[in-house]
Amino acid sequence: MSDEWWVGVRRRVEAAGAAPGGSEVFGASGHKWVVEEPLTQDELAELEAQIGVGLPEEYRGFLLYVGAGGAGPAYGLFPVRRVQGRWRWEGDGADLADLSRLAEPFPDQGPSPKLLADLLAQRPEEEDFDDIEDFDDAIEAWDERWEAVMFASERTVGAIAISHLGCAQREWLIVSGRHRGTIWSDSRVDDVDLTPLLDDDGMPVKFARWYTDWLEKAESTAP
């Protein structure tokens, strides 16, 4: 994706934020319409050298020609920053991504449906316990088993969390593997595995479409 795709996008974001209805756009209270400064070519090269893989082309263009993060879908696009000499993404859940494993292919699928169904069937119910403390102990032990499966680090190798939708729901950008460049929805907090975002034609949504679709909707909300 050439820089031409991103011409004028930063200006459009700033204009939407300054519009009378800018505060009415969902998530604006979080990102406050701030767009961080773009990365330089040298900074981007340093970032990619640190994580050991080139970022998807559309996202690279955004970092270079729009900004390092800030105003964007939901509560904003997680900014990537250099902190104490190391690059990292910052935001609610950004630390779920293992930056040392971004070069590994993102897995095509998560835990087996049967395993998840079996675990859910074993979830303790409060009415089955006479003592609330016994129930608390049982549900805590079950939660540990559930999270070990649903939130295993292997599930999100090759991906970075880039946005928070609230209530522990997030969206991920796939960096490596055959899904590279696409956006995935993360509702594991609601016992649902990661799933790709799809457009009206059932095609996977990539970064540029994800961002500009949000911008178009924001502009219509804040004319």
C-alpha atoms as a PDB file:
ATOM      1  CA  MET A   1       0.000   0.000   0.000  1.00  0.00           C
ATOM      2  CA  SER A   2       1.622   3.217  -1.126  1.00  0.00           C
ATOM      3  CA  ASP A   3       1.599   6.456   0.814  1.00  0.00           C
ATOM      4  CA  GLU A   4      -1.097   7.725  -1.597  1.00  0.00           C
ATOM      5  CA  TRP A   5      -3.674   5.642   0.286  1.00  0.00           C
ATOM      6  CA  TRP A   6      -3.040   7.707   3.410  1.00  0.00           C
ATOM      7  CA  VAL A   7      -2.901  11.188   1.861  1.00  0.00           C
ATOM      8  CA  GLY A   8      -5.208  13.487   3.803  1.00  0.00           C
ATOM      9  CA  VAL A   9      -6.227  10.879   6.382  1.00  0.00           C
ATOM     10  CA  ARG A  10      -4.593  12.621   9.313  1.00  0.00           C
ATOM     11  CA  ARG A  11      -6.262  15.900   8.332  1.00  0.00           C
ATOM     12  CA  ARG A  12      -9.629  14.149   8.062  1.00  0.00           C
ATOM     13  CA  VAL A  13      -9.231  12.632  11.526  1.00  0.00           C
ATOM     14  CA  GLU A  14      -8.366  16.005  13.022  1.00  0.00           C
ATOM     15  CA  ALA A  15     -11.335  17.617  11.278  1.00  0.00           C
ATOM     16  CA  ALA A  16     -13.737  14.966  12.555  1.00  0.00           C
ATOM     17  CA  GLY A  17     -12.440  15.496  16.078  1.00  0.00           C
ATOM     18  CA  ALA A  18     -12.914  19.247  15.828  1.00  0.00           C
ATOM     19  CA  ALA A  19     -16.448  18.944  14.446  1.00  0.00           C
ATOM     20  CA  PRO A  20     -19.421  19.754  16.730  1.00  0.00           C
ATOM     21  CA  GLY A  21     -20.358  16.085  16.989  1.00  0.00           C
ATOM     22  CA  GLY A  22     -16.837  14.794  17.481  1.00  0.00           C
ATOM     23  CA  SER A  23     -17.428  13.942  21.114  1.00  0.00           C
ATOM     24  CA  GLU A  24     -20.415  11.793  20.134  1.00  0.00           C
ATOM     25  CA  VAL A  25     -18.269   9.279  18.233  1.00  0.00           C
ATOM     26  CA  PHE A  26     -17.946   6.052  20.196  1.00  0.00           C
ATOM     27  CA  GLY A  27     -14.608   5.800  21.958  1.00  0.00           C
ATOM     28  CA  ALA A  28     -13.714   9.474  21.548  1.00  0.00           C
ATOM     29  CA  SER A  29     -13.579   9.814  25.329  1.00  0.00           C
ATOM     30  CA  GLY A  30     -10.673   7.375  25.243  1.00  0.00           C
ATOM     31  CA  HIS A  31      -8.519   8.566  22.334  1.00  0.00           C
ATOM     32  CA  LYS A  32      -9.673  12.212  22.577  1.00  0.00           C
ATOM     33  CA  TRP A  33      -8.948  12.577  18.852  1.00  0.00           C
ATOM     34  CA  VAL A  34      -5.214  12.778  19.488  1.00  0.00           C
ATOM     35  CA  VAL A  35      -3.063  11.358  16.673  1.00  0.00           C
ATOM     36  CA  GLU A  36       0.546  10.722  17.634  1.00  0.00           C
ATOM     37  CA  GLU A  37       3.350  11.821  15.335  1.00  0.00           C
ATOM     38  CA  PRO A  38       4.285   9.402  12.532  1.00  0.00           C
ATOM     39  CA  LEU A  39       7.389   7.266  12.813  1.00  0.00           C
ATOM     40  CA  THR A  40      10.427   8.105  10.746  1.00  0.00           C
ATOM     41  CA  GLN A  41      11.834   5.551   8.317  1.00  0.00           C
ATOM     42  CA  ASP A  42      14.696   4.944  10.741  1.00  0.00           C
ATOM     43  CA  GLU A  43      12.340   4.431  13.684  1.00  0.00           C
ATOM     44  CA  LEU A  44      10.217   1.978  11.720  1.00  0.00           C
ATOM     45  CA  ALA A  45      13.326   0.077  10.653  1.00  0.00           C
ATOM     46  CA  GLU A  46      14.467  -0.070  14.269  1.00  0.00           C
ATOM     47  CA  LEU A  47      11.038  -1.318  15.392  1.00  0.00           C
ATOM     48  CA  GLU A  48      10.963  -4.073  12.775  1.00  0.00           C
ATOM     49  CA  ALA A  49      14.521  -5.101  13.582  1.00  0.00           C
ATOM     50  CA  GLN A  50      13.574  -5.421  17.238  1.00  0.00           C
ATOM     51  CA  ILE A  51      10.478  -7.578  16.632  1.00  0.00           C
ATOM     52  CA  GLY A  52      12.200  -9.622  13.928  1.00  0.00           C
ATOM     53  CA  VAL A  53       9.565  -9.253  11.231  1.00  0.00           C
ATOM     54  CA  GLY A  54       8.308  -6.651   8.785  1.00  0.00           C
ATOM     55  CA  LEU A  55       4.910  -5.213   9.610  1.00  0.00           C
ATOM     56  CA  PRO A  56       2.027  -5.523   7.102  1.00  0.00           C
ATOM     57  CA  GLU A  57       2.346  -2.955   4.312  1.00  0.00           C
ATOM     58  CA  GLU A  58      -0.893  -1.078   5.021  1.00  0.00           C
ATOM     59  CA  TYR A  59      -0.017  -0.665   8.685  1.00  0.00           C
ATOM     60  CA  ARG A  60       3.536   0.396   7.825  1.00  0.00           C
ATOM     61  CA  GLY A  61       2.107   3.125   5.618  1.00  0.00           C
ATOM     62  CA  PHE A  62      -0.134   4.330   8.415  1.00  0.00           C
ATOM     63  CA  LEU A  63       2.774   4.518  10.858  1.00  0.00           C
ATOM     64  CA  LEU A  64       4.838   6.509   8.381  1.00  0.00           C
ATOM     65  CA  TYR A  65       2.238   8.865   6.915  1.00  0.00           C
ATOM     66  CA  VAL A  66      -0.558   9.209   9.501  1.00  0.00           C
ATOM     67  CA  GLY A  67       0.683   8.520  13.005  1.00  0.00           C
ATOM     68  CA  ALA A  68       2.073   6.032  15.485  1.00  0.00           C
ATOM     69  CA  GLY A  69      -1.390   5.546  16.987  1.00  0.00           C
ATOM     70  CA  GLY A  70      -4.149   7.397  18.772  1.00  0.00           C
ATOM     71  CA  ALA A  71      -7.549   8.297  17.336  1.00  0.00           C
ATOM     72  CA  GLY A  72      -9.087   5.312  15.614  1.00  0.00           C
ATOM     73  CA  PRO A  73     -11.640   2.521  15.910  1.00  0.00           C
ATOM     74  CA  ALA A  74     -13.318   2.013  19.286  1.00  0.00           C
ATOM     75  CA  TYR A  75     -11.164   3.553  22.026  1.00  0.00           C
ATOM     76  CA  GLY A  76      -8.335   4.208  19.615  1.00  0.00           C
ATOM     77  CA  LEU A  77      -5.436   2.602  17.818  1.00  0.00           C
ATOM     78  CA  PHE A  78      -2.818   1.441  20.323  1.00  0.00           C
ATOM     79  CA  PRO A  79       0.274   3.631  19.855  1.00  0.00           C
ATOM     80  CA  VAL A  80       3.672   2.059  19.350  1.00  0.00           C
ATOM     81  CA  ARG A  81       6.334   3.844  21.383  1.00  0.00           C
ATOM     82  CA  ARG A  82       9.974   3.503  22.287  1.00  0.00           C
ATOM     83  CA  VAL A  83      10.224   3.097  26.065  1.00  0.00           C
ATOM     84  CA  GLN A  84      13.660   2.866  27.666  1.00  0.00           C
ATOM     85  CA  GLY A  85      15.196   2.031  24.322  1.00  0.00           C
ATOM     86  CA  ARG A  86      12.698  -0.722  23.397  1.00  0.00           C
ATOM     87  CA  TRP A  87       9.620  -0.516  21.197  1.00  0.00           C
ATOM     88  CA  ARG A  88       6.238  -1.658  22.441  1.00  0.00           C
ATOM     89  CA  TRP A  89       2.527  -1.129  21.851  1.00  0.00           C
ATOM     90  CA  GLU A  90       0.625   0.517  24.682  1.00  0.00           C
ATOM     91  CA  GLY A  91      -3.066   0.132  25.503  1.00  0.00           C
ATOM     92  CA  ASP A  92      -5.559  -1.952  27.441  1.00  0.00           C
ATOM     93  CA  GLY A  93      -4.471  -5.500  26.591  1.00  0.00           C
ATOM     94  CA  ALA A  94      -1.530  -4.582  24.378  1.00  0.00           C
ATOM     95  CA  ASP A  95       0.706  -6.613  26.686  1.00  0.00           C
ATOM     96  CA  LEU A  96      -1.189  -9.786  25.723  1.00  0.00           C
ATOM     97  CA  ALA A  97       0.936  -9.881  22.562  1.00  0.00           C
ATOM     98  CA  ASP A  98       4.265 -11.667  22.844  1.00  0.00           C
ATOM     99  CA  LEU A  99       6.606  -9.371  20.931  1.00  0.00           C
ATOM    100  CA  SER A 100       9.308 -12.046  20.898  1.00  0.00           C
ATOM    101  CA  ARG A 101       7.069 -14.325  18.787  1.00  0.00           C
ATOM    102  CA  LEU A 102       5.709 -11.983  16.138  1.00  0.00           C
ATOM    103  CA  ALA A 103       7.632 -13.738  13.366  1.00  0.00           C
ATOM    104  CA  GLU A 104       5.806 -17.012  14.086  1.00  0.00           C
ATOM    105  CA  PRO A 105       2.737 -17.705  11.914  1.00  0.00           C
ATOM    106  CA  PHE A 106      -0.569 -16.823  13.519  1.00  0.00           C
ATOM    107  CA  PRO A 107      -2.487 -20.108  14.011  1.00  0.00           C
ATOM    108  CA  ASP A 108      -5.351 -20.886  11.646  1.00  0.00           C
ATOM    109  CA  GLN A 109      -7.552 -22.037  14.496  1.00  0.00           C
ATOM    110  CA  GLY A 110      -7.730 -22.032  18.254  1.00  0.00           C
ATOM    111  CA  PRO A 111      -8.640 -24.700  20.825  1.00  0.00           C
ATOM    112  CA  SER A 112     -10.761 -27.595  19.642  1.00  0.00           C
ATOM    113  CA  PRO A 113     -14.509 -26.950  19.944  1.00  0.00           C
ATOM    114  CA  LYS A 114     -14.907 -30.248  21.791  1.00  0.00           C
ATOM    115  CA  LEU A 115     -12.340 -29.251  24.390  1.00  0.00           C
ATOM    116  CA  LEU A 116     -14.092 -25.931  24.939  1.00  0.00           C
ATOM    117  CA  ALA A 117     -17.517 -27.572  25.139  1.00  0.00           C
ATOM    118  CA  ASP A 118     -16.238 -30.099  27.691  1.00  0.00           C
ATOM    119  CA  LEU A 119     -14.694 -27.367  29.809  1.00  0.00           C
ATOM    120  CA  LEU A 120     -17.841 -25.257  29.715  1.00  0.00           C
ATOM    121  CA  ALA A 121     -19.897 -28.278  30.763  1.00  0.00           C
ATOM    122  CA  GLN A 122     -17.655 -28.645  33.800  1.00  0.00           C
ATOM    123  CA  ARG A 123     -18.063 -25.047  34.920  1.00  0.00           C
ATOM    124  CA  PRO A 124     -19.227 -24.983  38.565  1.00  0.00           C
ATOM    125  CA  GLU A 125     -22.708 -23.620  39.306  1.00  0.00           C
ATOM    126  CA  GLU A 126     -23.348 -21.767  42.532  1.00  0.00           C
ATOM    127  CA  GLU A 127     -26.567 -23.671  43.271  1.00  0.00           C
ATOM    128  CA  ASP A 128     -24.575 -26.911  43.462  1.00  0.00           C
ATOM    129  CA  PHE A 129     -22.680 -25.693  46.541  1.00  0.00           C
ATOM    130  CA  ASP A 130     -23.914 -25.303  50.108  1.00  0.00           C
ATOM    131  CA  ASP A 131     -21.035 -23.030  51.050  1.00  0.00           C
ATOM    132  CA  ILE A 132     -20.293 -19.918  48.970  1.00  0.00           C
ATOM    133  CA  GLU A 133     -16.613 -20.191  49.834  1.00  0.00           C
ATOM    134  CA  ASP A 134     -16.504 -23.687  48.337  1.00  0.00           C
ATOM    135  CA  PHE A 135     -18.103 -22.339  45.173  1.00  0.00           C
ATOM    136  CA  ASP A 136     -15.600 -19.468  45.027  1.00  0.00           C
ATOM    137  CA  ASP A 137     -12.724 -21.935  45.287  1.00  0.00           C
ATOM    138  CA  ALA A 138     -14.224 -24.178  42.601  1.00  0.00           C
ATOM    139  CA  ILE A 139     -14.900 -21.370  40.133  1.00  0.00           C
ATOM    140  CA  GLU A 140     -11.435 -19.932  40.692  1.00  0.00           C
ATOM    141  CA  ALA A 141      -9.865 -23.310  39.906  1.00  0.00           C
ATOM    142  CA  TRP A 142     -12.085 -23.659  36.810  1.00  0.00           C
ATOM    143  CA  ASP A 143     -11.205 -20.153  35.636  1.00  0.00           C
ATOM    144  CA  GLU A 144      -7.522 -21.054  35.779  1.00  0.00           C
ATOM    145  CA  ARG A 145      -8.136 -24.108  33.566  1.00  0.00           C
ATOM    146  CA  TRP A 146     -10.275 -22.086  31.145  1.00  0.00           C
ATOM    147  CA  GLU A 147      -7.786 -19.252  30.814  1.00  0.00           C
ATOM    148  CA  ALA A 148      -4.920 -21.704  30.312  1.00  0.00           C
ATOM    149  CA  VAL A 149      -6.750 -22.922  27.199  1.00  0.00           C
ATOM    150  CA  MET A 150      -8.383 -19.756  25.845  1.00  0.00           C
ATOM    151  CA  PHE A 151      -5.555 -17.354  26.642  1.00  0.00           C
ATOM    152  CA  ALA A 152      -2.603 -19.615  25.911  1.00  0.00           C
ATOM    153  CA  SER A 153       0.226 -17.549  24.463  1.00  0.00           C
ATOM    154  CA  GLU A 154       0.338 -19.836  21.415  1.00  0.00           C
ATOM    155  CA  ARG A 155      -3.122 -18.586  20.379  1.00  0.00           C
ATOM    156  CA  THR A 156      -1.880 -15.110  19.487  1.00  0.00           C
ATOM    157  CA  VAL A 157       1.651 -15.615  18.222  1.00  0.00           C
ATOM    158  CA  GLY A 158       2.265 -13.563  15.101  1.00  0.00           C
ATOM    159  CA  ALA A 159      -0.264 -10.895  16.123  1.00  0.00           C
ATOM    160  CA  ILE A 160      -0.495  -7.611  17.997  1.00  0.00           C
ATOM    161  CA  ALA A 161      -3.462  -6.260  19.929  1.00  0.00           C
ATOM    162  CA  ILE A 162      -4.236  -2.854  18.431  1.00  0.00           C
ATOM    163  CA  SER A 163      -7.569  -1.685  19.814  1.00  0.00           C
ATOM    164  CA  HIS A 164      -9.812  -2.018  22.866  1.00  0.00           C
ATOM    165  CA  LEU A 165     -13.589  -2.087  22.438  1.00  0.00           C
ATOM    166  CA  GLY A 166     -14.408  -2.045  26.144  1.00  0.00           C
ATOM    167  CA  CYS A 167     -15.424  -4.862  28.500  1.00  0.00           C
ATOM    168  CA  ALA A 168     -12.129  -6.698  27.763  1.00  0.00           C
ATOM    169  CA  GLN A 169     -12.976  -7.107  24.067  1.00  0.00           C
ATOM    170  CA  ARG A 170     -10.169  -6.255  21.665  1.00  0.00           C
ATOM    171  CA  GLU A 171      -9.054  -6.408  18.050  1.00  0.00           C
ATOM    172  CA  TRP A 172      -5.786  -7.819  16.731  1.00  0.00           C
ATOM    173  CA  LEU A 173      -3.679  -7.178  13.637  1.00  0.00           C
ATOM    174  CA  ILE A 174      -2.135 -10.332  12.245  1.00  0.00           C
ATOM    175  CA  VAL A 175       1.542  -9.804  11.452  1.00  0.00           C
ATOM    176  CA  SER A 176       2.722 -13.247  10.308  1.00  0.00           C
ATOM    177  CA  GLY A 177       1.283 -16.282   8.563  1.00  0.00           C
ATOM    178  CA  ARG A 178      -1.360 -16.675   5.881  1.00  0.00           C
ATOM    179  CA  HIS A 179      -3.716 -14.230   7.648  1.00  0.00           C
ATOM    180  CA  ARG A 180      -1.081 -11.480   7.624  1.00  0.00           C
ATOM    181  CA  GLY A 181      -2.552  -7.981   7.405  1.00  0.00           C
ATOM    182  CA  THR A 182      -6.079  -8.927   8.543  1.00  0.00           C
ATOM    183  CA  ILE A 183      -7.962  -7.806  11.647  1.00  0.00           C
ATOM    184  CA  TRP A 184      -9.389 -10.324  14.129  1.00  0.00           C
ATOM    185  CA  SER A 185     -11.993  -9.819  16.841  1.00  0.00           C
ATOM    186  CA  ASP A 186     -11.184 -11.029  20.356  1.00  0.00           C
ATOM    187  CA  SER A 187     -14.233 -11.793  22.523  1.00  0.00           C
ATOM    188  CA  ARG A 188     -12.613 -14.517  24.572  1.00  0.00           C
ATOM    189  CA  VAL A 189     -13.879 -12.795  27.699  1.00  0.00           C
ATOM    190  CA  ASP A 190     -17.326 -13.917  26.504  1.00  0.00           C
ATOM    191  CA  ASP A 191     -16.135 -17.493  25.887  1.00  0.00           C
ATOM    192  CA  VAL A 192     -15.780 -16.953  22.117  1.00  0.00           C
ATOM    193  CA  ASP A 193     -12.561 -17.721  20.262  1.00  0.00           C
ATOM    194  CA  LEU A 194     -10.833 -15.155  18.059  1.00  0.00           C
ATOM    195  CA  THR A 195     -12.547 -14.669  14.688  1.00  0.00           C
ATOM    196  CA  PRO A 196     -11.611 -12.670  11.571  1.00  0.00           C
ATOM    197  CA  LEU A 197     -13.498  -9.495  10.769  1.00  0.00           C
ATOM    198  CA  LEU A 198     -15.301  -9.903   7.426  1.00  0.00           C
ATOM    199  CA  ASP A 199     -16.726  -7.338   5.039  1.00  0.00           C
ATOM    200  CA  ASP A 200     -20.183  -7.490   3.473  1.00  0.00           C
ATOM    201  CA  ASP A 201     -18.871  -9.893   0.832  1.00  0.00           C
ATOM    202  CA  GLY A 202     -17.434 -12.236   3.429  1.00  0.00           C
ATOM    203  CA  MET A 203     -13.848 -11.226   2.715  1.00  0.00           C
ATOM    204  CA  PRO A 204     -11.309 -10.659   5.509  1.00  0.00           C
ATOM    205  CA  VAL A 205     -10.924  -7.018   6.502  1.00  0.00           C
ATOM    206  CA  LYS A 206      -7.392  -5.650   6.289  1.00  0.00           C
ATOM    207  CA  PHE A 207      -5.917  -2.760   8.236  1.00  0.00           C
ATOM    208  CA  ALA A 208      -6.533   0.063   5.761  1.00  0.00           C
ATOM    209  CA  ARG A 209     -10.199  -0.829   5.244  1.00  0.00           C
ATOM    210  CA  TRP A 210     -10.667  -1.298   8.988  1.00  0.00           C
ATOM    211  CA  TYR A 211      -9.316   2.164   9.730  1.00  0.00           C
ATOM    212  CA  THR A 212     -10.895   4.097   6.887  1.00  0.00           C
ATOM    213  CA  ASP A 213     -14.304   2.466   7.428  1.00  0.00           C
ATOM    214  CA  TRP A 214     -14.141   3.765  10.994  1.00  0.00           C
ATOM    215  CA  LEU A 215     -13.134   7.206   9.772  1.00  0.00           C
ATOM    216  CA  GLU A 216     -16.013   7.406   7.293  1.00  0.00           C
ATOM    217  CA  LYS A 217     -18.489   6.466  10.027  1.00  0.00           C
ATOM    218  CA  ALA A 218     -16.928   8.973  12.407  1.00  0.00           C
ATOM    219  CA  GLU A 219     -17.227  11.708   9.793  1.00  0.00           C
ATOM    220  CA  SER A 220     -20.923  10.928   9.327  1.00  0.00           C
ATOM    221  CA  THR A 221     -21.480  11.056  13.095  1.00  0.00           C
ATOM    222  CA  ALA A 222     -19.551  14.294  13.502  1.00  0.00           C
ATOM    223  CA  PRO A 223     -20.462  16.356  10.397  1.00  0.00           C
END
